[in-house]
Amino acid sequence: MSTDFAHFRTPASPPGHSPPAVSSPKVLKFGGTSVGSAPALKQLLAIVASEPEPPVVVVSALSGVTNALEGLIDSVLGDAQHDSQGGTPSVGILLEQAVAQGVDALCSRHLDLARAVLPADALREYHQILRIVLGRLELRLAEMMAFGGTERTSAGAEDHAADRDAVLSVGERLSAPLISLALGTRGVPSTWVDSRHLILTDNSHGAAVVDLAATGVAVRAWYALLAPGVVPVVTGYIGRSVTGRTTTLGRGGSDYSAALVAEALSARKLDRWTDVDGIHTANPRLDPSARRFSFLLAEDASTWNAAKALGMHEQAFDPVVRGCIPVHVRSTLHPHGDGTLILPRALPDRIGRDAHLLKHGTPAGSPAAASTL
């Protein structure tokens, strides 16, 4: 099967040199419920526009879209295997019709949302993006139908896994340009960014392992070239393997993507926007007595999350603990609520280092810094 993504080489810094110095931004991550309806999306746009300095925005697919894509994959592979084992031709025709209907439903969902937030010119631009991305999706699904029932050699199994990731990446690749165009029409300069240029992984699919060093270089090199005043809208959840194929980071991967970007840029803060105001002792939708945590240690949150108590990607807190970055869990439904502030244990040390850098222009502990004491 064809490689789905052209090889992209990120320029590395020369040996012994650091990437150009850039200011530390705030990173905002928005989940599927925060982009899945017109009211939620308009709230997202207002939140981003209210930021005093341009943030880096990381977004998920619209709520329910990844599940719909998984349903298409399962239908295609299951019925294609049935055909290869002697199924009737009518089954293949019905499958093609079902795939076309599924893609049409995705198009309608995104187009309806776009109509609610975009003026005519931007709507035409987004419609063109929809046609391109969904056209490639149909081609990919047709390939999967053609080869879905073939013998599962090791190479064939890898192709199937790669195809699955390519299809699942479509949701974020449709939400990010929509949000970026909507910001632009509201006077916020914006560009959307395909994170396959930034999040670099191994060749495993479904839950790829991130190359942290290469990803850090790629993110910093990209951000250093970003035009001043522009808000980038980055696709969450997806990355690129060493062979140039699309990979995904696993369910909840957009949280991990945002944390990786925050770590690479030494972000001053990561705001995780969702539909619940912070982290609670229990699900507040099911338990009215659930209490909200005002503060948590990031190390404790990471331990709870590893035990699947928080429902986030299992590595979502690892980058922010390493990078000593505070995380604020907030609600788009209650944007002025307190939420939950998650603070790394070593944050006071980072604040001290940053204060020294601001005052003296050199990191604390360096020979130049010692001479200023």
Protein backbone atom coordinates (compact mmCIF):
# COMPACT_ATOMS: atom_id res chain seq x y z
CA MET A 1 0.00 0.00 0.00
CA SER A 2 1.10 3.55 -0.61
CA THR A 3 2.86 5.66 2.00
CA ASP A 4 0.28 8.17 3.17
CA PHE A 5 2.55 11.06 4.07
CA ALA A 6 5.51 12.46 2.19
CA HIS A 7 8.77 12.37 4.12
CA PHE A 8 9.37 15.63 5.95
CA ARG A 9 12.79 16.49 7.29
CA THR A 10 12.96 18.95 10.16
CA PRO A 11 16.13 21.04 10.26
CA ALA A 12 18.24 20.24 13.28
CA SER A 13 20.41 22.73 15.13
CA PRO A 14 24.14 22.56 14.28
CA PRO A 15 26.22 20.51 16.74
CA GLY A 16 26.90 22.46 19.90
CA HIS A 17 24.25 25.07 19.19
CA SER A 18 20.84 25.52 20.78
CA PRO A 19 17.72 26.48 18.83
CA PRO A 20 17.03 30.22 18.63
CA ALA A 21 15.70 31.65 21.87
CA VAL A 22 11.94 32.21 21.81
CA SER A 23 9.53 33.39 24.49
CA SER A 24 7.68 30.76 26.48
CA PRO A 25 4.06 30.64 25.33
CA LYS A 26 0.96 29.30 27.00
CA VAL A 27 -0.44 26.11 25.45
CA LEU A 28 -4.22 25.64 25.26
CA LYS A 29 -5.65 22.19 24.62
CA PHE A 30 -9.31 21.76 23.63
CA GLY A 31 -11.02 18.37 23.65
CA GLY A 32 -13.73 17.04 21.35
CA THR A 33 -16.66 18.41 23.35
CA SER A 34 -15.08 21.88 23.18
CA VAL A 35 -15.13 21.83 19.37
CA GLY A 36 -18.11 19.58 18.69
CA SER A 37 -20.96 22.10 18.47
CA ALA A 38 -21.46 25.70 17.34
CA PRO A 39 -21.93 27.12 20.88
CA ALA A 40 -18.87 25.23 22.18
CA LEU A 41 -16.74 26.31 19.23
CA LYS A 42 -17.77 29.95 19.63
CA GLN A 43 -16.77 29.74 23.29
CA LEU A 44 -13.40 28.29 22.25
CA LEU A 45 -12.86 31.18 19.85
CA ALA A 46 -13.70 33.72 22.57
CA ILE A 47 -11.28 32.04 25.00
CA VAL A 48 -8.41 32.10 22.51
CA ALA A 49 -9.15 35.71 21.47
CA SER A 50 -9.09 36.81 25.13
CA GLU A 51 -5.50 35.65 25.66
CA PRO A 52 -3.19 38.66 26.10
CA GLU A 53 -0.40 36.95 24.13
CA PRO A 54 -0.74 34.47 21.23
CA PRO A 55 -1.02 30.95 22.65
CA VAL A 56 -0.30 27.63 20.99
CA VAL A 57 -3.61 25.79 20.53
CA VAL A 58 -3.83 21.99 20.32
CA VAL A 59 -7.17 20.45 19.32
CA SER A 60 -8.93 17.11 19.19
CA ALA A 61 -11.36 15.92 16.55
CA LEU A 62 -15.01 16.93 16.90
CA SER A 63 -16.73 14.81 19.54
CA GLY A 64 -17.78 11.45 18.11
CA VAL A 65 -15.76 11.74 14.90
CA THR A 66 -12.96 9.35 15.90
CA ASN A 67 -15.59 6.77 16.89
CA ALA A 68 -17.28 7.22 13.50
CA LEU A 69 -13.96 6.70 11.72
CA GLU A 70 -13.31 3.55 13.75
CA GLY A 71 -16.73 2.28 12.73
CA LEU A 72 -15.89 2.80 9.08
CA ILE A 73 -12.62 0.91 9.48
CA ASP A 74 -14.25 -2.03 11.24
CA SER A 75 -16.96 -2.25 8.59
CA VAL A 76 -14.46 -2.11 5.74
CA LEU A 77 -12.07 -4.71 7.13
CA GLY A 78 -14.78 -7.06 8.35
CA ASP A 79 -16.79 -7.06 5.12
CA ALA A 80 -13.68 -7.12 2.93
CA GLN A 81 -12.56 -10.30 4.65
CA HIS A 82 -16.05 -11.74 4.13
CA ASP A 83 -15.76 -11.01 0.39
CA SER A 84 -12.37 -12.72 0.18
CA GLN A 85 -13.92 -15.85 1.67
CA GLY A 86 -16.60 -16.12 -0.99
CA GLY A 87 -19.12 -13.44 -0.04
CA THR A 88 -21.68 -12.34 -2.63
CA PRO A 89 -20.98 -9.34 -4.90
CA SER A 90 -23.97 -7.53 -3.40
CA VAL A 91 -22.16 -7.37 -0.06
CA GLY A 92 -19.35 -5.38 -1.67
CA ILE A 93 -21.82 -3.00 -3.28
CA LEU A 94 -23.62 -2.45 0.01
CA LEU A 95 -20.28 -1.82 1.71
CA GLU A 96 -19.31 0.81 -0.86
CA GLN A 97 -22.64 2.52 -0.31
CA ALA A 98 -22.19 2.41 3.46
CA VAL A 99 -18.71 3.93 3.20
CA ALA A 100 -19.99 6.69 0.92
CA GLN A 101 -22.79 7.44 3.37
CA GLY A 102 -20.33 7.51 6.28
CA VAL A 103 -18.02 9.94 4.49
CA ASP A 104 -21.00 12.08 3.49
CA ALA A 105 -22.09 12.21 7.13
CA LEU A 106 -18.63 13.42 8.16
CA CYS A 107 -18.73 16.06 5.45
CA SER A 108 -22.18 17.26 6.53
CA ARG A 109 -21.21 17.39 10.22
CA HIS A 110 -18.17 19.56 9.57
CA LEU A 111 -19.82 21.69 6.92
CA ASP A 112 -22.81 22.44 9.16
CA LEU A 113 -20.46 23.55 11.94
CA ALA A 114 -18.41 25.62 9.50
CA ARG A 115 -21.54 27.41 8.27
CA ALA A 116 -22.25 28.46 11.86
CA VAL A 117 -18.86 30.14 12.39
CA LEU A 118 -17.40 31.08 8.98
CA PRO A 119 -18.32 33.81 6.49
CA ALA A 120 -18.69 32.94 2.81
CA ASP A 121 -15.04 33.33 1.71
CA ALA A 122 -13.63 31.28 4.59
CA LEU A 123 -16.42 28.72 4.16
CA ARG A 124 -15.38 28.16 0.54
CA GLU A 125 -11.78 27.68 1.63
CA TYR A 126 -12.80 25.18 4.29
CA HIS A 127 -15.08 23.34 1.87
CA GLN A 128 -12.07 22.85 -0.40
CA ILE A 129 -10.08 21.39 2.52
CA LEU A 130 -12.98 19.07 3.29
CA ARG A 131 -13.11 17.85 -0.31
CA ILE A 132 -9.39 17.10 -0.38
CA VAL A 133 -9.15 15.35 3.00
CA LEU A 134 -12.36 13.35 2.61
CA GLY A 135 -11.51 12.47 -0.99
CA ARG A 136 -8.24 10.95 0.21
CA LEU A 137 -10.14 9.20 2.99
CA GLU A 138 -12.43 7.53 0.43
CA LEU A 139 -9.41 6.40 -1.58
CA ARG A 140 -7.79 4.98 1.53
CA LEU A 141 -10.94 3.11 2.50
CA ALA A 142 -11.25 1.75 -1.06
CA GLU A 143 -7.68 0.40 -0.78
CA MET A 144 -8.55 -1.20 2.54
CA MET A 145 -11.61 -2.83 0.97
CA ALA A 146 -9.48 -4.17 -1.88
CA PHE A 147 -6.75 -5.58 0.36
CA GLY A 148 -8.66 -6.13 3.59
CA GLY A 149 -9.18 -9.83 3.08
CA THR A 150 -5.63 -10.68 2.01
CA GLU A 151 -3.44 -12.96 4.06
CA ARG A 152 -2.06 -11.30 7.19
CA THR A 153 1.69 -11.44 6.60
CA SER A 154 3.83 -9.33 8.92
CA ALA A 155 4.11 -6.69 6.19
CA GLY A 156 0.38 -6.90 5.53
CA ALA A 157 -0.42 -6.50 9.22
CA GLU A 158 1.77 -3.39 9.35
CA ASP A 159 -0.02 -1.99 6.31
CA HIS A 160 -3.39 -2.51 7.97
CA ALA A 161 -2.20 -0.79 11.16
CA ALA A 162 -0.81 2.11 9.14
CA ASP A 163 -4.05 2.40 7.17
CA ARG A 164 -6.03 2.49 10.40
CA ASP A 165 -3.91 5.34 11.78
CA ALA A 166 -4.17 7.26 8.52
CA VAL A 167 -7.96 7.04 8.65
CA LEU A 168 -8.16 7.93 12.35
CA SER A 169 -6.04 11.04 11.79
CA VAL A 170 -8.76 12.61 9.62
CA GLY A 171 -10.75 14.03 12.55
CA GLU A 172 -7.98 16.30 13.80
CA ARG A 173 -7.00 17.24 10.25
CA LEU A 174 -10.55 18.56 9.76
CA SER A 175 -11.00 20.32 13.11
CA ALA A 176 -7.72 22.25 13.15
CA PRO A 177 -8.21 24.17 9.86
CA LEU A 178 -11.82 24.96 10.80
CA ILE A 179 -10.74 26.52 14.10
CA SER A 180 -7.85 28.38 12.49
CA LEU A 181 -10.07 29.88 9.78
CA ALA A 182 -12.67 30.86 12.37
CA LEU A 183 -10.04 32.64 14.45
CA GLY A 184 -8.81 34.52 11.38
CA THR A 185 -12.29 35.81 10.61
CA ARG A 186 -12.46 37.19 14.15
CA GLY A 187 -9.32 39.25 13.83
CA VAL A 188 -6.95 36.68 15.37
CA PRO A 189 -4.16 35.84 12.89
CA SER A 190 -3.89 32.07 12.79
CA THR A 191 -2.44 29.13 10.91
CA TRP A 192 -3.18 25.45 11.30
CA VAL A 193 -0.34 23.00 11.77
CA ASP A 194 -0.25 19.32 10.88
CA SER A 195 1.48 17.74 13.88
CA ARG A 196 2.98 15.05 11.66
CA HIS A 197 5.68 17.67 11.10
CA LEU A 198 6.26 17.96 14.85
CA ILE A 199 5.50 14.75 16.77
CA LEU A 200 8.03 12.15 15.62
CA THR A 201 7.54 8.53 16.59
CA ASP A 202 8.65 4.97 16.00
CA ASN A 203 6.97 2.67 13.46
CA SER A 204 4.40 1.22 15.85
CA HIS A 205 0.79 2.12 15.13
CA GLY A 206 -2.16 2.71 17.42
CA ALA A 207 -0.05 3.83 20.37
CA ALA A 208 3.22 5.01 18.87
CA VAL A 209 6.29 5.69 21.01
CA VAL A 210 7.43 9.29 20.70
CA ASP A 211 11.06 10.15 19.97
CA LEU A 212 11.32 12.85 22.62
CA ALA A 213 14.63 14.35 21.47
CA ALA A 214 13.66 14.57 17.79
CA THR A 215 10.22 15.90 18.67
CA GLY A 216 11.72 18.60 20.86
CA VAL A 217 14.03 19.71 18.04
CA ALA A 218 11.18 19.73 15.52
CA VAL A 219 8.79 21.70 17.75
CA ARG A 220 11.38 24.34 18.67
CA ALA A 221 12.56 24.74 15.08
CA TRP A 222 8.97 25.21 13.91
CA TYR A 223 8.05 27.65 16.66
CA ALA A 224 11.17 29.76 16.09
CA LEU A 225 10.00 30.37 12.50
CA LEU A 226 6.38 31.16 13.42
CA ALA A 227 5.39 34.70 12.44
CA PRO A 228 4.96 37.01 15.46
CA GLY A 229 1.39 37.46 16.63
CA VAL A 230 0.08 34.32 14.89
CA VAL A 231 -1.90 31.71 16.83
CA PRO A 232 -1.03 28.20 15.60
CA VAL A 233 -3.74 25.55 15.80
CA VAL A 234 -2.02 22.17 16.03
CA THR A 235 -3.62 18.79 15.39
CA GLY A 236 -3.52 16.60 18.48
CA TYR A 237 -3.31 12.81 18.62
CA ILE A 238 -1.24 12.21 15.48
CA GLY A 239 2.43 11.97 14.60
CA ARG A 240 4.79 10.68 11.93
CA SER A 241 6.97 7.58 11.94
CA VAL A 242 10.58 7.36 10.83
CA THR A 243 9.35 5.96 7.51
CA GLY A 244 7.02 8.92 6.94
CA ARG A 245 3.74 7.20 7.78
CA THR A 246 0.98 8.61 9.94
CA THR A 247 0.90 7.30 13.51
CA THR A 248 -1.47 7.90 16.40
CA LEU A 249 -0.65 8.19 20.09
CA GLY A 250 -3.59 6.19 21.43
CA ARG A 251 -6.93 7.26 22.86
CA GLY A 252 -6.69 10.60 24.62
CA GLY A 253 -3.55 11.27 22.61
CA SER A 254 -4.33 14.96 22.15
CA ASP A 255 -3.61 15.53 25.85
CA TYR A 256 -0.23 13.88 25.33
CA SER A 257 0.40 15.95 22.17
CA ALA A 258 -0.30 19.18 24.03
CA ALA A 259 1.97 18.18 26.90
CA LEU A 260 4.80 17.29 24.49
CA VAL A 261 4.50 20.66 22.75
CA ALA A 262 4.41 22.43 26.12
CA GLU A 263 7.54 20.60 27.26
CA ALA A 264 9.43 21.33 24.04
CA LEU A 265 8.64 25.05 24.27
CA SER A 266 9.14 25.30 28.06
CA ALA A 267 5.59 26.64 28.17
CA ARG A 268 4.74 28.79 31.15
CA LYS A 269 1.40 26.99 31.51
CA LEU A 270 -0.83 24.36 29.88
CA ASP A 271 -4.57 25.00 30.01
CA ARG A 272 -6.60 21.84 29.42
CA TRP A 273 -10.10 22.93 28.39
CA THR A 274 -12.89 20.39 28.67
CA ASP A 275 -16.58 20.32 29.62
CA VAL A 276 -16.02 19.77 33.36
CA ASP A 277 -14.70 22.46 35.71
CA GLY A 278 -11.59 20.77 37.01
CA ILE A 279 -10.83 17.37 38.51
CA HIS A 280 -13.29 15.97 41.05
CA THR A 281 -13.36 13.23 43.67
CA ALA A 282 -15.95 11.44 41.49
CA ASN A 283 -17.79 12.01 38.24
CA PRO A 284 -19.83 15.17 39.00
CA ARG A 285 -22.41 14.19 36.37
CA LEU A 286 -23.18 11.00 38.28
CA ASP A 287 -22.43 12.00 41.87
CA PRO A 288 -23.78 15.38 43.06
CA SER A 289 -21.61 15.12 46.18
CA ALA A 290 -18.38 15.00 44.14
CA ARG A 291 -15.92 17.67 45.27
CA ARG A 292 -13.59 19.62 43.03
CA PHE A 293 -9.88 19.67 43.77
CA SER A 294 -8.57 23.25 43.81
CA PHE A 295 -4.94 22.10 43.63
CA LEU A 296 -3.09 18.88 42.94
CA LEU A 297 0.54 17.94 42.71
CA ALA A 298 1.38 16.90 39.15
CA GLU A 299 3.23 13.87 40.46
CA ASP A 300 0.10 12.73 42.33
CA ALA A 301 -2.10 13.40 39.31
CA SER A 302 0.31 11.37 37.19
CA THR A 303 0.09 8.44 39.60
CA TRP A 304 -3.72 8.55 39.63
CA ASN A 305 -3.82 8.83 35.88
CA ALA A 306 -1.53 5.81 35.48
CA ALA A 307 -4.08 3.91 37.58
CA LYS A 308 -6.76 5.04 35.09
CA ALA A 309 -8.48 7.19 37.72
CA LEU A 310 -8.50 10.36 35.59
CA GLY A 311 -9.40 8.95 32.18
CA MET A 312 -6.57 10.72 30.35
CA HIS A 313 -3.78 9.37 28.16
CA GLU A 314 -1.45 7.35 30.38
CA GLN A 315 1.53 9.59 29.53
CA ALA A 316 -0.34 12.91 29.60
CA PHE A 317 1.48 14.17 32.70
CA ASP A 318 4.98 12.85 31.97
CA PRO A 319 6.11 15.82 29.81
CA VAL A 320 4.76 18.46 32.18
CA VAL A 321 6.42 16.81 35.17
CA ARG A 322 9.73 16.65 33.29
CA GLY A 323 9.32 20.24 32.08
CA CYS A 324 8.00 21.53 35.40
CA ILE A 325 4.96 23.07 33.71
CA PRO A 326 1.74 23.91 35.64
CA VAL A 327 -1.49 22.53 34.20
CA HIS A 328 -4.88 24.18 34.66
CA VAL A 329 -7.93 21.96 34.01
CA ARG A 330 -10.79 24.29 33.06
CA SER A 331 -14.29 24.16 31.60
CA THR A 332 -15.43 25.85 28.40
CA LEU A 333 -18.94 25.75 29.89
CA HIS A 334 -17.74 27.78 32.90
CA PRO A 335 -14.70 29.66 31.61
CA HIS A 336 -14.50 31.89 34.69
CA GLY A 337 -14.57 28.95 37.07
CA ASP A 338 -11.57 28.10 39.22
CA GLY A 339 -10.97 24.65 37.76
CA THR A 340 -8.09 22.59 39.15
CA LEU A 341 -4.52 23.84 39.15
CA ILE A 342 -1.96 21.01 38.89
CA LEU A 343 1.50 22.07 40.06
CA PRO A 344 4.77 20.15 39.66
CA ARG A 345 6.63 19.66 42.93
CA ALA A 346 9.73 21.41 41.53
CA LEU A 347 7.85 24.48 40.28
CA PRO A 348 9.35 26.86 42.91
CA ASP A 349 12.83 25.95 41.64
CA ARG A 350 11.79 26.72 38.06
CA ILE A 351 10.31 30.05 39.12
CA GLY A 352 13.60 30.93 40.79
CA ARG A 353 15.60 30.00 37.70
CA ASP A 354 13.28 31.97 35.43
CA ALA A 355 13.46 35.01 37.71
CA HIS A 356 17.25 34.86 37.67
CA LEU A 357 17.24 34.61 33.88
CA LEU A 358 14.96 37.64 33.58
CA LYS A 359 17.12 39.67 35.96
CA HIS A 360 20.59 38.70 34.77
CA GLY A 361 20.09 37.34 31.25
CA THR A 362 21.88 34.07 32.07
CA PRO A 363 20.69 30.84 33.66
CA ALA A 364 21.35 30.44 37.37
CA GLY A 365 24.42 28.30 38.01
CA SER A 366 26.23 29.22 34.78
CA PRO A 367 29.74 30.81 34.97
CA ALA A 368 28.32 34.09 33.66
CA ALA A 369 25.59 34.00 36.28
CA ALA A 370 28.12 33.39 39.05
CA SER A 371 29.98 36.52 38.09
CA THR A 372 26.83 38.59 38.62
CA LEU A 373 26.20 37.37 42.18
